[in-house]
Amino acid sequence: MDKKDKKIRQEQESNPGKGVAFCLNCNDMDDLAVSDEAKDLDQLHRRFDNCREIGKFQGDVCARIYVAEDRIDEPAFFADEDEDS
């Protein structure tokens, strides 16, 4: 981890009461969760790295990566709820 990433991580951790701010600078978020792009996390991470380098990323979490990494369609996602019943 380089110094810049470490500084950003420390700033985020130092404000735990603050809500999470999602970066929504991408204008093509419609249907991302069901698109082929969402299946290629490496490509999304490269895009995210580029956004950070050029200064386009504004927020705590990249909304594209958050949506793509969502595992709501996996059976294990609801496993805990079934056990409680």
Protein backbone atom coordinates (compact mmCIF):
# COMPACT_ATOMS: atom_id res chain seq x y z
CA MET A 1 0.00 0.00 0.00
CA ASP A 2 1.50 3.31 -1.01
CA LYS A 3 1.38 6.45 1.12
CA LYS A 4 -1.51 8.00 -0.80
CA ASP A 5 -3.76 4.95 -0.32
CA LYS A 6 -2.77 4.73 3.34
CA LYS A 7 -3.68 8.40 3.90
CA ILE A 8 -7.08 7.97 2.20
CA ARG A 9 -7.81 4.85 4.25
CA GLN A 10 -6.90 6.66 7.50
CA GLU A 11 -9.17 9.58 6.62
CA GLN A 12 -12.08 7.21 5.95
CA GLU A 13 -11.54 5.28 9.18
CA SER A 14 -11.23 8.44 11.28
CA ASN A 15 -14.86 9.43 10.60
CA PRO A 16 -16.93 6.34 11.50
CA GLY A 17 -20.14 8.27 12.27
CA LYS A 18 -20.28 9.77 8.81
CA GLY A 19 -22.41 7.97 6.20
CA VAL A 20 -20.85 6.29 3.19
CA ALA A 21 -20.69 8.44 0.08
CA PHE A 22 -21.02 6.54 -3.18
CA CYS A 23 -19.29 7.96 -6.23
CA LEU A 24 -21.93 8.30 -8.94
CA ASN A 25 -19.90 10.07 -11.62
CA CYS A 26 -20.53 7.31 -14.16
CA ASN A 27 -23.47 8.16 -16.37
CA ASP A 28 -24.01 4.60 -17.60
CA MET A 29 -25.17 2.86 -14.43
CA ASP A 30 -28.55 1.74 -15.83
CA ASP A 31 -28.89 -2.05 -15.84
CA LEU A 32 -25.29 -2.48 -14.66
CA ALA A 33 -26.19 -5.33 -12.31
CA VAL A 34 -27.49 -7.47 -15.16
CA SER A 35 -24.93 -6.47 -17.79
CA ASP A 36 -21.90 -8.42 -18.97
CA GLU A 37 -19.68 -5.62 -17.64
CA ALA A 38 -20.69 -6.46 -14.07
CA LYS A 39 -19.27 -9.96 -14.52
CA ASP A 40 -15.76 -8.64 -15.25
CA LEU A 41 -14.64 -7.27 -11.88
CA ASP A 42 -11.05 -6.87 -13.08
CA GLN A 43 -12.21 -4.46 -15.78
CA LEU A 44 -14.28 -2.51 -13.26
CA HIS A 45 -11.32 -2.25 -10.90
CA ARG A 46 -9.11 -0.99 -13.76
CA ARG A 47 -11.76 1.61 -14.58
CA PHE A 48 -11.92 2.59 -10.90
CA ASP A 49 -8.11 2.93 -10.75
CA ASN A 50 -8.26 5.20 -13.80
CA CYS A 51 -10.98 7.34 -12.20
CA ARG A 52 -8.83 7.79 -9.10
CA GLU A 53 -5.76 8.69 -11.19
CA ILE A 54 -7.55 11.37 -13.22
CA GLY A 55 -9.44 12.74 -10.21
CA LYS A 56 -12.92 11.72 -11.36
CA PHE A 57 -13.59 9.53 -8.30
CA GLN A 58 -15.50 11.45 -5.64
CA GLY A 59 -16.74 9.53 -2.64
CA ASP A 60 -15.89 6.66 -0.33
CA VAL A 61 -17.06 3.76 -2.51
CA CYS A 62 -17.31 3.26 -6.26
CA ALA A 63 -20.99 2.58 -6.97
CA ARG A 64 -20.15 0.45 -10.04
CA ILE A 65 -17.96 -1.91 -8.03
CA TYR A 66 -20.49 -2.00 -5.18
CA VAL A 67 -23.28 -3.02 -7.56
CA ALA A 68 -21.14 -5.54 -9.43
CA GLU A 69 -19.90 -7.20 -6.24
CA ASP A 70 -23.42 -7.52 -4.81
CA ARG A 71 -24.16 -11.19 -4.27
CA ILE A 72 -27.92 -10.98 -3.77
CA ASP A 73 -28.53 -13.61 -6.46
CA GLU A 74 -26.44 -16.25 -4.69
CA PRO A 75 -28.34 -18.81 -2.56
CA ALA A 76 -25.99 -18.31 0.40
CA PHE A 77 -27.07 -14.65 0.65
CA PHE A 78 -30.34 -15.65 2.34
CA ALA A 79 -28.98 -18.65 4.26
CA ASP A 80 -28.95 -16.84 7.64
CA GLU A 81 -32.60 -15.83 7.29
CA ASP A 82 -33.64 -19.44 6.67
CA GLU A 83 -31.87 -20.60 9.82
CA ASP A 84 -33.72 -18.05 11.97
CA SER A 85 -37.17 -19.28 10.89
